[in-house]
Amino acid sequence: MTPTPPTVVVHPDADLLAKATAARAVTRLVDAQAARGTASIVLTGGGMGTAVLAELATAPARDAIDWRRLDIWWGDERFLPAGHPERNETGARAALLDHIPLDPARVHPMPASDGPDGDDVDRAAERYAEELRASAAALGEQGPAPEFDVTLVSVGPDTHIASLFPELPAVYEEDRPVVAVRGAPKPPPTRVTLTLPTIRASHEVWVLGSGGAKADAVRLALGEAGPVQVPAAGARGRSRTLFLLDRPAAARLPAGLAPAGVV
């Protein structure tokens, strides 16, 4: 299936972007559960990713989601001990997951460096790939990973998404759903990440961008660059792709690209 071209929605500032994205997530997940009885979301870290979760925790319509019928995955993780403050899982639990009635069996954190495989990051990636494959099979899907309802990714100033950095080996991966990352230019250097094919199998991909430091990266991601040089250019969903931005991040959109929504 050909990925969908992106739709750009611009919000006045970072706070309103986080609130609006949380509200959008409620609607999308409720609709998915109404259609199929279940839903899935892939979380992202970073300041905006965590802010969205914090807003979701206090959203008035939060409990319209049946949290016990929601599968929660991660797009990437820093390969650090469980509970480490720099792990995306740690931030997500503090912002949202510890405050809602989840089914623990449906929360799927990426392995930690003090897990059963120790510091073998390749085995950690393989373990997560096995979990993804088993979940897809249980849903009757044929791919190596579930067709997520929503995948959230944050774009970095260098155009990275998840832990897919420009020109590093992980961004070239076409077969494996999850890979280990070594030598990441942003610390910590050792990570686990979903690959672009896994992200692109999602029904919807939402790219979050906040702040003027992201403006050039957003421009490149919405232009004609390829995903090896600009990983965010490869963040596309099967049904819908949204670039959810604040005004500073949207300050340098490609010529001729008009946002579909300016709130």
Protein backbone atom coordinates (compact mmCIF):
# COMPACT_ATOMS: atom_id res chain seq x y z
CA MET A 1 0.00 0.00 0.00
CA THR A 2 1.32 3.45 -0.92
CA PRO A 3 1.82 5.63 2.17
CA THR A 4 -0.46 8.62 2.43
CA PRO A 5 0.85 12.14 1.79
CA PRO A 6 1.03 14.13 5.01
CA THR A 7 -1.48 16.61 6.34
CA VAL A 8 -0.07 19.52 8.34
CA VAL A 9 -1.93 20.95 11.35
CA VAL A 10 -0.44 23.96 13.14
CA HIS A 11 -1.26 24.99 16.71
CA PRO A 12 -0.34 28.32 18.30
CA ASP A 13 2.09 26.99 20.89
CA ALA A 14 3.50 23.85 22.47
CA ASP A 15 0.93 23.69 25.28
CA LEU A 16 -2.01 23.77 22.88
CA LEU A 17 -0.28 21.29 20.61
CA ALA A 18 0.00 18.81 23.50
CA LYS A 19 -3.62 19.33 24.55
CA ALA A 20 -4.96 18.99 21.02
CA THR A 21 -2.91 15.87 20.32
CA ALA A 22 -4.19 14.26 23.52
CA ALA A 23 -7.77 15.04 22.53
CA ARG A 24 -7.14 13.68 19.04
CA ALA A 25 -5.75 10.47 20.55
CA VAL A 26 -8.87 9.95 22.64
CA THR A 27 -11.07 10.22 19.56
CA ARG A 28 -8.91 7.93 17.44
CA LEU A 29 -8.61 5.20 20.07
CA VAL A 30 -12.30 5.29 20.97
CA ASP A 31 -13.21 4.96 17.29
CA ALA A 32 -10.83 2.00 16.88
CA GLN A 33 -12.27 0.25 19.91
CA ALA A 34 -15.81 0.85 18.69
CA ALA A 35 -14.92 -0.72 15.34
CA ARG A 36 -12.87 -3.70 16.52
CA GLY A 37 -13.14 -3.95 20.28
CA THR A 38 -9.47 -3.17 20.75
CA ALA A 39 -6.88 -0.53 19.83
CA SER A 40 -3.13 0.00 19.80
CA ILE A 41 -0.80 2.97 20.09
CA VAL A 42 2.97 3.40 19.79
CA LEU A 43 4.40 5.99 22.16
CA THR A 44 7.28 8.37 21.63
CA GLY A 45 9.57 10.01 24.14
CA GLY A 46 11.00 13.49 24.25
CA GLY A 47 9.51 16.62 25.71
CA MET A 48 6.46 16.80 23.46
CA GLY A 49 5.75 13.07 23.55
CA THR A 50 5.72 13.14 27.34
CA ALA A 51 3.66 16.35 27.40
CA VAL A 52 0.98 14.69 25.28
CA LEU A 53 0.77 11.81 27.75
CA ALA A 54 0.52 14.20 30.69
CA GLU A 55 -2.34 16.01 28.96
CA LEU A 56 -4.03 12.71 28.19
CA ALA A 57 -3.87 11.80 31.90
CA THR A 58 -5.99 14.86 32.76
CA ALA A 59 -8.16 15.07 29.63
CA PRO A 60 -11.89 15.29 30.48
CA ALA A 61 -12.72 12.50 28.00
CA ARG A 62 -9.84 10.28 29.08
CA ASP A 63 -12.04 7.50 30.41
CA ALA A 64 -13.96 7.21 27.14
CA ILE A 65 -11.04 4.93 26.24
CA ASP A 66 -11.36 1.39 27.56
CA TRP A 67 -7.78 1.28 28.81
CA ARG A 68 -7.86 -2.44 29.49
CA ARG A 69 -8.46 -3.06 25.78
CA LEU A 70 -5.53 -0.95 24.63
CA ASP A 71 -2.12 -2.28 23.59
CA ILE A 72 0.72 0.13 24.29
CA TRP A 73 4.03 -0.14 22.45
CA TRP A 74 7.12 2.05 22.12
CA GLY A 75 8.80 3.34 18.98
CA ASP A 76 12.25 3.31 20.55
CA GLU A 77 14.04 3.08 23.85
CA ARG A 78 17.33 4.00 25.44
CA PHE A 79 19.08 0.76 26.37
CA LEU A 80 19.41 1.50 30.07
CA PRO A 81 18.34 -0.27 33.28
CA ALA A 82 14.63 -0.52 34.05
CA GLY A 83 13.37 2.58 35.84
CA HIS A 84 16.25 4.75 34.64
CA PRO A 85 15.02 8.36 34.35
CA GLU A 86 16.19 8.61 30.74
CA ARG A 87 14.15 5.63 29.56
CA ASN A 88 11.04 6.56 27.57
CA GLU A 89 9.09 3.95 29.52
CA THR A 90 9.92 5.68 32.80
CA GLY A 91 8.63 9.01 31.56
CA ALA A 92 5.49 7.46 30.10
CA ARG A 93 4.66 5.66 33.33
CA ALA A 94 5.08 8.82 35.39
CA ALA A 95 3.06 10.97 32.98
CA LEU A 96 0.19 8.58 32.24
CA LEU A 97 0.51 4.83 32.56
CA ASP A 98 0.68 4.69 36.37
CA HIS A 99 -2.57 6.68 36.56
CA ILE A 100 -4.91 4.60 34.38
CA PRO A 101 -6.44 1.10 34.70
CA LEU A 102 -4.34 -0.75 32.14
CA ASP A 103 -4.05 -4.48 31.56
CA PRO A 104 -0.35 -5.04 32.40
CA ALA A 105 -0.17 -7.83 29.81
CA ARG A 106 -0.99 -5.29 27.09
CA VAL A 107 1.79 -2.87 28.01
CA HIS A 108 4.85 -3.74 25.95
CA PRO A 109 8.00 -1.87 27.05
CA MET A 110 11.21 -2.47 25.17
CA PRO A 111 13.78 -4.56 27.06
CA ALA A 112 16.10 -2.89 29.56
CA SER A 113 19.84 -3.40 29.87
CA ASP A 114 19.36 -5.21 33.21
CA GLY A 115 16.76 -7.58 31.75
CA PRO A 116 17.13 -11.30 31.07
CA ASP A 117 19.52 -10.69 28.16
CA GLY A 118 21.80 -8.39 30.12
CA ASP A 119 23.66 -5.91 27.96
CA ASP A 120 23.07 -7.84 24.70
CA VAL A 121 21.23 -5.13 22.80
CA ASP A 122 20.89 -7.26 19.67
CA ARG A 123 19.09 -9.95 21.63
CA ALA A 124 16.91 -7.25 23.23
CA ALA A 125 15.86 -6.10 19.75
CA GLU A 126 15.16 -9.70 18.72
CA ARG A 127 13.06 -10.22 21.85
CA TYR A 128 10.89 -7.20 21.03
CA ALA A 129 10.56 -8.39 17.43
CA GLU A 130 9.31 -11.74 18.73
CA GLU A 131 6.73 -9.98 20.89
CA LEU A 132 5.54 -7.89 17.94
CA ARG A 133 5.30 -10.95 15.71
CA ALA A 134 3.30 -12.89 18.32
CA SER A 135 0.89 -9.99 18.77
CA ALA A 136 0.34 -9.68 15.02
CA ALA A 137 -0.35 -13.41 14.75
CA ALA A 138 -2.84 -13.27 17.62
CA LEU A 139 -4.71 -10.55 15.73
CA GLY A 140 -4.75 -12.65 12.55
CA GLU A 141 -2.37 -10.29 10.77
CA GLN A 142 0.35 -11.54 8.46
CA GLY A 143 3.11 -8.98 9.01
CA PRO A 144 6.05 -9.03 11.40
CA ALA A 145 4.33 -6.45 13.62
CA PRO A 146 0.75 -5.36 14.35
CA GLU A 147 -0.85 -2.73 12.15
CA PHE A 148 -0.91 -0.11 14.89
CA ASP A 149 -3.82 2.30 15.02
CA VAL A 150 -1.60 5.27 15.87
CA THR A 151 2.17 5.64 15.94
CA LEU A 152 3.50 8.80 17.54
CA VAL A 153 6.97 9.99 16.56
CA SER A 154 8.79 13.19 17.47
CA VAL A 155 11.04 14.80 14.90
CA GLY A 156 14.49 15.88 16.12
CA PRO A 157 16.45 18.90 14.90
CA ASP A 158 18.63 16.49 12.89
CA THR A 159 15.45 14.97 11.31
CA HIS A 160 15.64 11.73 13.32
CA ILE A 161 12.50 9.91 14.43
CA ALA A 162 12.39 7.12 17.03
CA SER A 163 16.11 6.15 17.12
CA LEU A 164 16.48 6.28 13.35
CA PHE A 165 19.26 8.78 12.73
CA PRO A 166 20.41 10.07 9.33
CA GLU A 167 22.77 7.69 7.52
CA LEU A 168 23.11 5.22 10.42
CA PRO A 169 22.58 1.52 9.61
CA ALA A 170 19.14 1.28 11.24
CA VAL A 171 17.57 3.65 8.73
CA TYR A 172 18.52 1.31 5.88
CA GLU A 173 16.78 -1.71 7.42
CA GLU A 174 13.99 -3.14 5.27
CA ASP A 175 13.44 -6.61 6.73
CA ARG A 176 13.61 -6.63 10.51
CA PRO A 177 10.86 -4.86 12.49
CA VAL A 178 13.18 -3.88 15.34
CA VAL A 179 16.94 -3.30 15.43
CA ALA A 180 19.67 -2.35 17.85
CA VAL A 181 21.34 1.04 17.46
CA ARG A 182 24.93 1.72 18.44
CA GLY A 183 26.77 5.00 18.19
CA ALA A 184 23.68 7.22 18.18
CA PRO A 185 24.77 10.86 17.94
CA LYS A 186 22.38 11.74 20.76
CA PRO A 187 23.18 10.16 24.14
CA PRO A 188 22.86 7.49 25.25
CA PRO A 189 24.45 5.90 22.20
CA THR A 190 22.94 2.42 22.56
CA ARG A 191 19.24 2.04 21.80
CA VAL A 192 16.49 -0.18 20.41
CA THR A 193 14.17 1.12 17.70
CA LEU A 194 11.33 0.19 15.40
CA THR A 195 12.37 0.35 11.75
CA LEU A 196 10.74 2.41 9.02
CA PRO A 197 8.75 -0.51 7.53
CA THR A 198 7.19 -1.15 10.94
CA ILE A 199 6.30 2.50 11.39
CA ARG A 200 4.86 2.70 7.87
CA ALA A 201 2.63 -0.33 8.52
CA SER A 202 0.69 1.79 11.04
CA HIS A 203 -2.75 2.97 10.03
CA GLU A 204 -1.89 6.49 11.18
CA VAL A 205 1.47 8.12 11.88
CA TRP A 206 1.52 11.40 13.79
CA VAL A 207 4.75 13.40 13.61
CA LEU A 208 5.10 15.84 16.50
CA GLY A 209 7.22 18.96 16.15
CA SER A 210 7.58 21.81 18.63
CA GLY A 211 9.92 24.78 18.73
CA GLY A 212 11.92 26.77 16.21
CA ALA A 213 14.85 24.34 16.41
CA LYS A 214 12.67 21.81 14.57
CA ALA A 215 11.64 24.13 11.72
CA ASP A 216 14.38 23.09 9.29
CA ALA A 217 13.84 19.41 10.07
CA VAL A 218 10.11 19.76 9.41
CA ARG A 219 10.80 21.53 6.12
CA LEU A 220 13.11 18.73 4.98
CA ALA A 221 10.71 16.00 6.14
CA LEU A 222 7.90 17.54 4.09
CA GLY A 223 10.10 18.12 1.06
CA GLU A 224 11.60 15.74 -1.46
CA ALA A 225 14.45 14.31 0.63
CA GLY A 226 14.76 10.56 1.07
CA PRO A 227 14.47 8.80 4.44
CA VAL A 228 18.12 7.74 4.59
CA GLN A 229 19.23 11.37 4.75
CA VAL A 230 16.03 12.60 6.45
CA PRO A 231 14.42 9.79 8.48
CA ALA A 232 11.34 11.90 9.25
CA ALA A 233 10.62 11.92 5.51
CA GLY A 234 9.92 8.19 5.87
CA ALA A 235 7.34 8.62 8.62
CA ARG A 236 4.16 7.90 6.72
CA GLY A 237 1.01 5.99 7.67
CA ARG A 238 -1.03 3.61 5.55
CA SER A 239 -4.27 5.57 6.02
CA ARG A 240 -3.21 8.97 7.31
CA THR A 241 -0.07 10.93 8.12
CA LEU A 242 -0.31 14.02 10.30
CA PHE A 243 2.40 16.56 11.02
CA LEU A 244 1.18 18.12 14.28
CA LEU A 245 3.21 21.28 14.86
CA ASP A 246 3.33 24.47 16.82
CA ARG A 247 3.89 27.73 14.98
CA PRO A 248 7.65 27.93 15.56
CA ALA A 249 8.14 24.41 14.19
CA ALA A 250 5.99 25.30 11.17
CA ALA A 251 7.87 28.51 10.41
CA ARG A 252 9.73 27.12 7.37
CA LEU A 253 7.28 24.85 5.57
CA PRO A 254 8.16 24.08 1.94
CA ALA A 255 7.03 26.67 -0.58
CA GLY A 256 3.50 26.01 -1.74
CA LEU A 257 2.58 23.73 1.16
CA ALA A 258 -0.41 25.20 2.96
CA PRO A 259 -1.40 23.62 6.28
CA ALA A 260 -4.76 21.88 6.23
CA GLY A 261 -5.47 23.35 9.63
CA VAL A 262 -4.18 26.35 11.56
CA VAL A 263 -5.79 26.41 14.96
